[in-house]
Amino acid sequence: EPTELAARMRAHVVAQHAAGDDAI
């Protein structure tokens, strides 16, 4: 489901960046 997939992508980027890490 595109909305759910986009939300998971956003959450991953936020978590990576909060840890000071790049998101790929």
mmCIF file of all heavy atoms, coordinates in Angstrom:
data_MODEL
# 
_entry.id   MODEL 
# 
loop_
_atom_site.group_PDB 
_atom_site.id 
_atom_site.type_symbol 
_atom_site.label_atom_id 
_atom_site.label_alt_id 
_atom_site.label_comp_id 
_atom_site.label_asym_id 
_atom_site.label_entity_id 
_atom_site.label_seq_id 
_atom_site.pdbx_PDB_ins_code 
_atom_site.Cartn_x 
_atom_site.Cartn_y 
_atom_site.Cartn_z 
_atom_site.occupancy 
_atom_site.B_iso_or_equiv 
_atom_site.pdbx_formal_charge 
_atom_site.auth_seq_id 
_atom_site.auth_comp_id 
_atom_site.auth_asym_id 
_atom_site.auth_atom_id 
_atom_site.pdbx_PDB_model_num 
ATOM 1   N N   . GLU A 1 1  ? 0.874  -1.163 0.000  1.00 0.00 ? 1  GLU A N   1 
ATOM 2   C CA  . GLU A 1 1  ? 0.000  0.000  0.000  1.00 0.00 ? 1  GLU A CA  1 
ATOM 3   C C   . GLU A 1 1  ? 0.915  1.218  0.000  1.00 0.00 ? 1  GLU A C   1 
ATOM 4   O O   . GLU A 1 1  ? 1.760  1.354  0.884  1.00 0.00 ? 1  GLU A O   1 
ATOM 5   C CB  . GLU A 1 1  ? -0.901 -0.049 1.238  1.00 0.00 ? 1  GLU A CB  1 
ATOM 6   C CG  . GLU A 1 1  ? -2.149 0.803  1.144  1.00 0.00 ? 1  GLU A CG  1 
ATOM 7   C CD  . GLU A 1 1  ? -1.851 2.283  1.262  1.00 0.00 ? 1  GLU A CD  1 
ATOM 8   O OE1 . GLU A 1 1  ? -1.134 2.671  2.196  1.00 0.00 ? 1  GLU A OE1 1 
ATOM 9   O OE2 . GLU A 1 1  ? -2.320 3.039  0.396  1.00 0.00 ? 1  GLU A OE2 1 
ATOM 10  N N   . PRO A 1 2  ? 0.831  2.084  -0.996 1.00 0.00 ? 2  PRO A N   1 
ATOM 11  C CA  . PRO A 1 2  ? 1.793  3.177  -1.134 1.00 0.00 ? 2  PRO A CA  1 
ATOM 12  C C   . PRO A 1 2  ? 1.920  4.093  0.082  1.00 0.00 ? 2  PRO A C   1 
ATOM 13  O O   . PRO A 1 2  ? 3.026  4.489  0.448  1.00 0.00 ? 2  PRO A O   1 
ATOM 14  C CB  . PRO A 1 2  ? 1.285  3.957  -2.349 1.00 0.00 ? 2  PRO A CB  1 
ATOM 15  C CG  . PRO A 1 2  ? 0.532  2.957  -3.152 1.00 0.00 ? 2  PRO A CG  1 
ATOM 16  C CD  . PRO A 1 2  ? -0.097 2.037  -2.138 1.00 0.00 ? 2  PRO A CD  1 
ATOM 17  N N   . THR A 1 3  ? 0.809  4.434  0.724  1.00 0.00 ? 3  THR A N   1 
ATOM 18  C CA  . THR A 1 3  ? 0.864  5.333  1.881  1.00 0.00 ? 3  THR A CA  1 
ATOM 19  C C   . THR A 1 3  ? 1.653  4.695  3.015  1.00 0.00 ? 3  THR A C   1 
ATOM 20  O O   . THR A 1 3  ? 2.488  5.339  3.655  1.00 0.00 ? 3  THR A O   1 
ATOM 21  C CB  . THR A 1 3  ? -0.565 5.696  2.356  1.00 0.00 ? 3  THR A CB  1 
ATOM 22  O OG1 . THR A 1 3  ? -1.264 6.274  1.252  1.00 0.00 ? 3  THR A OG1 1 
ATOM 23  C CG2 . THR A 1 3  ? -0.534 6.665  3.514  1.00 0.00 ? 3  THR A CG2 1 
ATOM 24  N N   . GLU A 1 4  ? 1.425  3.416  3.248  1.00 0.00 ? 4  GLU A N   1 
ATOM 25  C CA  . GLU A 1 4  ? 2.137  2.695  4.313  1.00 0.00 ? 4  GLU A CA  1 
ATOM 26  C C   . GLU A 1 4  ? 3.614  2.555  3.971  1.00 0.00 ? 4  GLU A C   1 
ATOM 27  O O   . GLU A 1 4  ? 4.485  2.727  4.822  1.00 0.00 ? 4  GLU A O   1 
ATOM 28  C CB  . GLU A 1 4  ? 1.474  1.323  4.518  1.00 0.00 ? 4  GLU A CB  1 
ATOM 29  C CG  . GLU A 1 4  ? 2.032  0.516  5.667  1.00 0.00 ? 4  GLU A CG  1 
ATOM 30  C CD  . GLU A 1 4  ? 3.171  -0.405 5.241  1.00 0.00 ? 4  GLU A CD  1 
ATOM 31  O OE1 . GLU A 1 4  ? 3.211  -0.807 4.056  1.00 0.00 ? 4  GLU A OE1 1 
ATOM 32  O OE2 . GLU A 1 4  ? 4.030  -0.702 6.101  1.00 0.00 ? 4  GLU A OE2 1 
ATOM 33  N N   . LEU A 1 5  ? 3.927  2.270  2.711  1.00 0.00 ? 5  LEU A N   1 
ATOM 34  C CA  . LEU A 1 5  ? 5.315  2.141  2.276  1.00 0.00 ? 5  LEU A CA  1 
ATOM 35  C C   . LEU A 1 5  ? 6.049  3.477  2.440  1.00 0.00 ? 5  LEU A C   1 
ATOM 36  O O   . LEU A 1 5  ? 7.168  3.520  2.971  1.00 0.00 ? 5  LEU A O   1 
ATOM 37  C CB  . LEU A 1 5  ? 5.369  1.661  0.819  1.00 0.00 ? 5  LEU A CB  1 
ATOM 38  C CG  . LEU A 1 5  ? 6.743  1.488  0.188  1.00 0.00 ? 5  LEU A CG  1 
ATOM 39  C CD1 . LEU A 1 5  ? 7.618  0.533  0.975  1.00 0.00 ? 5  LEU A CD1 1 
ATOM 40  C CD2 . LEU A 1 5  ? 6.584  1.004  -1.255 1.00 0.00 ? 5  LEU A CD2 1 
ATOM 41  N N   . ALA A 1 6  ? 5.424  4.576  2.040  1.00 0.00 ? 6  ALA A N   1 
ATOM 42  C CA  . ALA A 1 6  ? 6.039  5.900  2.202  1.00 0.00 ? 6  ALA A CA  1 
ATOM 43  C C   . ALA A 1 6  ? 6.266  6.214  3.677  1.00 0.00 ? 6  ALA A C   1 
ATOM 44  O O   . ALA A 1 6  ? 7.308  6.771  4.043  1.00 0.00 ? 6  ALA A O   1 
ATOM 45  C CB  . ALA A 1 6  ? 5.171  6.973  1.546  1.00 0.00 ? 6  ALA A CB  1 
ATOM 46  N N   . ALA A 1 7  ? 5.326  5.854  4.527  1.00 0.00 ? 7  ALA A N   1 
ATOM 47  C CA  . ALA A 1 7  ? 5.480  6.104  5.968  1.00 0.00 ? 7  ALA A CA  1 
ATOM 48  C C   . ALA A 1 7  ? 6.652  5.306  6.540  1.00 0.00 ? 7  ALA A C   1 
ATOM 49  O O   . ALA A 1 7  ? 7.421  5.825  7.361  1.00 0.00 ? 7  ALA A O   1 
ATOM 50  C CB  . ALA A 1 7  ? 4.187  5.758  6.701  1.00 0.00 ? 7  ALA A CB  1 
ATOM 51  N N   . ARG A 1 8  ? 6.807  4.056  6.111  1.00 0.00 ? 8  ARG A N   1 
ATOM 52  C CA  . ARG A 1 8  ? 7.950  3.258  6.581  1.00 0.00 ? 8  ARG A CA  1 
ATOM 53  C C   . ARG A 1 8  ? 9.275  3.832  6.093  1.00 0.00 ? 8  ARG A C   1 
ATOM 54  O O   . ARG A 1 8  ? 10.265 3.833  6.817  1.00 0.00 ? 8  ARG A O   1 
ATOM 55  C CB  . ARG A 1 8  ? 7.808  1.798  6.130  1.00 0.00 ? 8  ARG A CB  1 
ATOM 56  C CG  . ARG A 1 8  ? 6.733  1.041  6.894  1.00 0.00 ? 8  ARG A CG  1 
ATOM 57  C CD  . ARG A 1 8  ? 6.759  -0.458 6.651  1.00 0.00 ? 8  ARG A CD  1 
ATOM 58  N NE  . ARG A 1 8  ? 6.438  -0.792 5.275  1.00 0.00 ? 8  ARG A NE  1 
ATOM 59  C CZ  . ARG A 1 8  ? 7.160  -1.584 4.486  1.00 0.00 ? 8  ARG A CZ  1 
ATOM 60  N NH1 . ARG A 1 8  ? 8.261  -2.163 4.921  1.00 0.00 ? 8  ARG A NH1 1 
ATOM 61  N NH2 . ARG A 1 8  ? 6.781  -1.843 3.250  1.00 0.00 ? 8  ARG A NH2 1 
ATOM 62  N N   . MET A 1 9  ? 9.280  4.354  4.874  1.00 0.00 ? 9  MET A N   1 
ATOM 63  C CA  . MET A 1 9  ? 10.488 4.988  4.351  1.00 0.00 ? 9  MET A CA  1 
ATOM 64  C C   . MET A 1 9  ? 10.839 6.214  5.191  1.00 0.00 ? 9  MET A C   1 
ATOM 65  O O   . MET A 1 9  ? 11.996 6.392  5.598  1.00 0.00 ? 9  MET A O   1 
ATOM 66  C CB  . MET A 1 9  ? 10.282 5.374  2.881  1.00 0.00 ? 9  MET A CB  1 
ATOM 67  C CG  . MET A 1 9  ? 10.184 4.180  1.947  1.00 0.00 ? 9  MET A CG  1 
ATOM 68  S SD  . MET A 1 9  ? 9.492  4.562  0.307  1.00 0.00 ? 9  MET A SD  1 
ATOM 69  C CE  . MET A 1 9  ? 10.563 5.844  -0.268 1.00 0.00 ? 9  MET A CE  1 
ATOM 70  N N   . ARG A 1 10 ? 9.839  7.057  5.465  1.00 0.00 ? 10 ARG A N   1 
ATOM 71  C CA  . ARG A 1 10 ? 10.080 8.259  6.286  1.00 0.00 ? 10 ARG A CA  1 
ATOM 72  C C   . ARG A 1 10 ? 10.609 7.877  7.660  1.00 0.00 ? 10 ARG A C   1 
ATOM 73  O O   . ARG A 1 10 ? 11.559 8.491  8.159  1.00 0.00 ? 10 ARG A O   1 
ATOM 74  C CB  . ARG A 1 10 ? 8.788  9.059  6.440  1.00 0.00 ? 10 ARG A CB  1 
ATOM 75  C CG  . ARG A 1 10 ? 8.513  9.988  5.323  1.00 0.00 ? 10 ARG A CG  1 
ATOM 76  C CD  . ARG A 1 10 ? 7.330  10.913 5.625  1.00 0.00 ? 10 ARG A CD  1 
ATOM 77  N NE  . ARG A 1 10 ? 6.675  11.190 4.373  1.00 0.00 ? 10 ARG A NE  1 
ATOM 78  C CZ  . ARG A 1 10 ? 5.602  10.551 3.920  1.00 0.00 ? 10 ARG A CZ  1 
ATOM 79  N NH1 . ARG A 1 10 ? 5.009  9.633  4.622  1.00 0.00 ? 10 ARG A NH1 1 
ATOM 80  N NH2 . ARG A 1 10 ? 5.097  10.874 2.742  1.00 0.00 ? 10 ARG A NH2 1 
ATOM 81  N N   . ALA A 1 11 ? 9.986  6.895  8.293  1.00 0.00 ? 11 ALA A N   1 
ATOM 82  C CA  . ALA A 1 11 ? 10.412 6.478  9.639  1.00 0.00 ? 11 ALA A CA  1 
ATOM 83  C C   . ALA A 1 11 ? 11.859 5.986  9.624  1.00 0.00 ? 11 ALA A C   1 
ATOM 84  O O   . ALA A 1 11 ? 12.630 6.278  10.551 1.00 0.00 ? 11 ALA A O   1 
ATOM 85  C CB  . ALA A 1 11 ? 9.475  5.394  10.177 1.00 0.00 ? 11 ALA A CB  1 
ATOM 86  N N   . HIS A 1 12 ? 12.233 5.263  8.589  1.00 0.00 ? 12 HIS A N   1 
ATOM 87  C CA  . HIS A 1 12 ? 13.611 4.778  8.494  1.00 0.00 ? 12 HIS A CA  1 
ATOM 88  C C   . HIS A 1 12 ? 14.593 5.939  8.371  1.00 0.00 ? 12 HIS A C   1 
ATOM 89  O O   . HIS A 1 12 ? 15.628 5.964  9.049  1.00 0.00 ? 12 HIS A O   1 
ATOM 90  C CB  . HIS A 1 12 ? 13.768 3.818  7.312  1.00 0.00 ? 12 HIS A CB  1 
ATOM 91  C CG  . HIS A 1 12 ? 15.186 3.406  7.091  1.00 0.00 ? 12 HIS A CG  1 
ATOM 92  N ND1 . HIS A 1 12 ? 15.838 2.548  7.955  1.00 0.00 ? 12 HIS A ND1 1 
ATOM 93  C CD2 . HIS A 1 12 ? 16.096 3.764  6.148  1.00 0.00 ? 12 HIS A CD2 1 
ATOM 94  C CE1 . HIS A 1 12 ? 17.090 2.391  7.546  1.00 0.00 ? 12 HIS A CE1 1 
ATOM 95  N NE2 . HIS A 1 12 ? 17.269 3.118  6.446  1.00 0.00 ? 12 HIS A NE2 1 
ATOM 96  N N   . VAL A 1 13 ? 14.283 6.885  7.510  1.00 0.00 ? 13 VAL A N   1 
ATOM 97  C CA  . VAL A 1 13 ? 15.177 8.033  7.318  1.00 0.00 ? 13 VAL A CA  1 
ATOM 98  C C   . VAL A 1 13 ? 15.311 8.818  8.620  1.00 0.00 ? 13 VAL A C   1 
ATOM 99  O O   . VAL A 1 13 ? 16.418 9.193  9.018  1.00 0.00 ? 13 VAL A O   1 
ATOM 100 C CB  . VAL A 1 13 ? 14.686 8.931  6.158  1.00 0.00 ? 13 VAL A CB  1 
ATOM 101 C CG1 . VAL A 1 13 ? 15.489 10.228 6.088  1.00 0.00 ? 13 VAL A CG1 1 
ATOM 102 C CG2 . VAL A 1 13 ? 14.770 8.180  4.834  1.00 0.00 ? 13 VAL A CG2 1 
ATOM 103 N N   . VAL A 1 14 ? 14.212 9.052  9.298  1.00 0.00 ? 14 VAL A N   1 
ATOM 104 C CA  . VAL A 1 14 ? 14.252 9.782  10.578 1.00 0.00 ? 14 VAL A CA  1 
ATOM 105 C C   . VAL A 1 14 ? 15.134 9.044  11.578 1.00 0.00 ? 14 VAL A C   1 
ATOM 106 O O   . VAL A 1 14 ? 15.980 9.646  12.244 1.00 0.00 ? 14 VAL A O   1 
ATOM 107 C CB  . VAL A 1 14 ? 12.820 10.001 11.128 1.00 0.00 ? 14 VAL A CB  1 
ATOM 108 C CG1 . VAL A 1 14 ? 12.845 10.457 12.578 1.00 0.00 ? 14 VAL A CG1 1 
ATOM 109 C CG2 . VAL A 1 14 ? 12.070 11.006 10.262 1.00 0.00 ? 14 VAL A CG2 1 
ATOM 110 N N   . ALA A 1 15 ? 14.960 7.733  11.697 1.00 0.00 ? 15 ALA A N   1 
ATOM 111 C CA  . ALA A 1 15 ? 15.761 6.948  12.650 1.00 0.00 ? 15 ALA A CA  1 
ATOM 112 C C   . ALA A 1 15 ? 17.244 6.969  12.284 1.00 0.00 ? 15 ALA A C   1 
ATOM 113 O O   . ALA A 1 15 ? 18.104 7.136  13.162 1.00 0.00 ? 15 ALA A O   1 
ATOM 114 C CB  . ALA A 1 15 ? 15.248 5.508  12.716 1.00 0.00 ? 15 ALA A CB  1 
ATOM 115 N N   . GLN A 1 16 ? 17.559 6.805  11.004 1.00 0.00 ? 16 GLN A N   1 
ATOM 116 C CA  . GLN A 1 16 ? 18.956 6.826  10.576 1.00 0.00 ? 16 GLN A CA  1 
ATOM 117 C C   . GLN A 1 16 ? 19.593 8.185  10.870 1.00 0.00 ? 16 GLN A C   1 
ATOM 118 O O   . GLN A 1 16 ? 20.691 8.268  11.414 1.00 0.00 ? 16 GLN A O   1 
ATOM 119 C CB  . GLN A 1 16 ? 19.072 6.520  9.081  1.00 0.00 ? 16 GLN A CB  1 
ATOM 120 C CG  . GLN A 1 16 ? 18.809 5.080  8.705  1.00 0.00 ? 16 GLN A CG  1 
ATOM 121 C CD  . GLN A 1 16 ? 19.842 4.124  9.235  1.00 0.00 ? 16 GLN A CD  1 
ATOM 122 O OE1 . GLN A 1 16 ? 19.578 3.346  10.139 1.00 0.00 ? 16 GLN A OE1 1 
ATOM 123 N NE2 . GLN A 1 16 ? 21.036 4.197  8.696  1.00 0.00 ? 16 GLN A NE2 1 
ATOM 124 N N   . HIS A 1 17 ? 18.903 9.243  10.495 1.00 0.00 ? 17 HIS A N   1 
ATOM 125 C CA  . HIS A 1 17 ? 19.447 10.581 10.683 1.00 0.00 ? 17 HIS A CA  1 
ATOM 126 C C   . HIS A 1 17 ? 19.557 10.944 12.160 1.00 0.00 ? 17 HIS A C   1 
ATOM 127 O O   . HIS A 1 17 ? 20.519 11.604 12.565 1.00 0.00 ? 17 HIS A O   1 
ATOM 128 C CB  . HIS A 1 17 ? 18.625 11.601 9.906  1.00 0.00 ? 17 HIS A CB  1 
ATOM 129 C CG  . HIS A 1 17 ? 18.834 11.511 8.429  1.00 0.00 ? 17 HIS A CG  1 
ATOM 130 N ND1 . HIS A 1 17 ? 18.213 12.350 7.547  1.00 0.00 ? 17 HIS A ND1 1 
ATOM 131 C CD2 . HIS A 1 17 ? 19.592 10.679 7.659  1.00 0.00 ? 17 HIS A CD2 1 
ATOM 132 C CE1 . HIS A 1 17 ? 18.577 12.060 6.310  1.00 0.00 ? 17 HIS A CE1 1 
ATOM 133 N NE2 . HIS A 1 17 ? 19.406 11.034 6.354  1.00 0.00 ? 17 HIS A NE2 1 
ATOM 134 N N   . ALA A 1 18 ? 18.603 10.492 12.980 1.00 0.00 ? 18 ALA A N   1 
ATOM 135 C CA  . ALA A 1 18 ? 18.683 10.746 14.424 1.00 0.00 ? 18 ALA A CA  1 
ATOM 136 C C   . ALA A 1 18 ? 19.922 10.093 15.030 1.00 0.00 ? 18 ALA A C   1 
ATOM 137 O O   . ALA A 1 18 ? 20.505 10.614 15.987 1.00 0.00 ? 18 ALA A O   1 
ATOM 138 C CB  . ALA A 1 18 ? 17.416 10.246 15.126 1.00 0.00 ? 18 ALA A CB  1 
ATOM 139 N N   . ALA A 1 19 ? 20.336 8.974  14.456 1.00 0.00 ? 19 ALA A N   1 
ATOM 140 C CA  . ALA A 1 19 ? 21.539 8.278  14.929 1.00 0.00 ? 19 ALA A CA  1 
ATOM 141 C C   . ALA A 1 19 ? 22.804 8.850  14.281 1.00 0.00 ? 19 ALA A C   1 
ATOM 142 O O   . ALA A 1 19 ? 23.908 8.371  14.553 1.00 0.00 ? 19 ALA A O   1 
ATOM 143 C CB  . ALA A 1 19 ? 21.425 6.787  14.621 1.00 0.00 ? 19 ALA A CB  1 
ATOM 144 N N   . GLY A 1 20 ? 22.636 9.844  13.405 1.00 0.00 ? 20 GLY A N   1 
ATOM 145 C CA  . GLY A 1 20 ? 23.789 10.432 12.720 1.00 0.00 ? 20 GLY A CA  1 
ATOM 146 C C   . GLY A 1 20 ? 24.264 9.626  11.531 1.00 0.00 ? 20 GLY A C   1 
ATOM 147 O O   . GLY A 1 20 ? 25.375 9.828  11.037 1.00 0.00 ? 20 GLY A O   1 
ATOM 148 N N   . ASP A 1 21 ? 23.427 8.702  11.059 1.00 0.00 ? 21 ASP A N   1 
ATOM 149 C CA  . ASP A 1 21 ? 23.801 7.808  9.962  1.00 0.00 ? 21 ASP A CA  1 
ATOM 150 C C   . ASP A 1 21 ? 23.085 8.179  8.667  1.00 0.00 ? 21 ASP A C   1 
ATOM 151 O O   . ASP A 1 21 ? 21.968 8.696  8.686  1.00 0.00 ? 21 ASP A O   1 
ATOM 152 C CB  . ASP A 1 21 ? 23.448 6.356  10.316 1.00 0.00 ? 21 ASP A CB  1 
ATOM 153 C CG  . ASP A 1 21 ? 24.231 5.835  11.498 1.00 0.00 ? 21 ASP A CG  1 
ATOM 154 O OD1 . ASP A 1 21 ? 25.388 6.266  11.682 1.00 0.00 ? 21 ASP A OD1 1 
ATOM 155 O OD2 . ASP A 1 21 ? 23.681 5.001  12.242 1.00 0.00 ? 21 ASP A OD2 1 
ATOM 156 N N   . ASP A 1 22 ? 23.731 7.853  7.550  1.00 0.00 ? 22 ASP A N   1 
ATOM 157 C CA  . ASP A 1 22 ? 23.096 8.010  6.249  1.00 0.00 ? 22 ASP A CA  1 
ATOM 158 C C   . ASP A 1 22 ? 21.966 6.995  6.109  1.00 0.00 ? 22 ASP A C   1 
ATOM 159 O O   . ASP A 1 22 ? 21.957 5.949  6.778  1.00 0.00 ? 22 ASP A O   1 
ATOM 160 C CB  . ASP A 1 22 ? 24.105 7.766  5.124  1.00 0.00 ? 22 ASP A CB  1 
ATOM 161 C CG  . ASP A 1 22 ? 25.203 8.811  5.080  1.00 0.00 ? 22 ASP A CG  1 
ATOM 162 O OD1 . ASP A 1 22 ? 25.009 9.916  5.628  1.00 0.00 ? 22 ASP A OD1 1 
ATOM 163 O OD2 . ASP A 1 22 ? 26.263 8.517  4.496  1.00 0.00 ? 22 ASP A OD2 1 
ATOM 164 N N   . ALA A 1 23 ? 21.022 7.294  5.229  1.00 0.00 ? 23 ALA A N   1 
ATOM 165 C CA  . ALA A 1 23 ? 19.945 6.365  4.896  1.00 0.00 ? 23 ALA A CA  1 
ATOM 166 C C   . ALA A 1 23 ? 20.077 6.011  3.415  1.00 0.00 ? 23 ALA A C   1 
ATOM 167 O O   . ALA A 1 23 ? 20.135 6.901  2.566  1.00 0.00 ? 23 ALA A O   1 
ATOM 168 C CB  . ALA A 1 23 ? 18.582 6.988  5.167  1.00 0.00 ? 23 ALA A CB  1 
ATOM 169 N N   . ILE A 1 24 ? 20.158 4.718  3.137  1.00 0.00 ? 24 ILE A N   1 
ATOM 170 C CA  . ILE A 1 24 ? 20.211 4.225  1.764  1.00 0.00 ? 24 ILE A CA  1 
ATOM 171 C C   . ILE A 1 24 ? 18.995 3.324  1.577  1.00 0.00 ? 24 ILE A C   1 
ATOM 172 O O   . ILE A 1 24 ? 18.941 2.206  2.100  1.00 0.00 ? 24 ILE A O   1 
ATOM 173 C CB  . ILE A 1 24 ? 21.511 3.453  1.475  1.00 0.00 ? 24 ILE A CB  1 
ATOM 174 C CG1 . ILE A 1 24 ? 22.730 4.317  1.808  1.00 0.00 ? 24 ILE A CG1 1 
ATOM 175 C CG2 . ILE A 1 24 ? 21.534 2.994  0.014  1.00 0.00 ? 24 ILE A CG2 1 
ATOM 176 C CD1 . ILE A 1 24 ? 24.038 3.550  1.810  1.00 0.00 ? 24 ILE A CD1 1 
# 
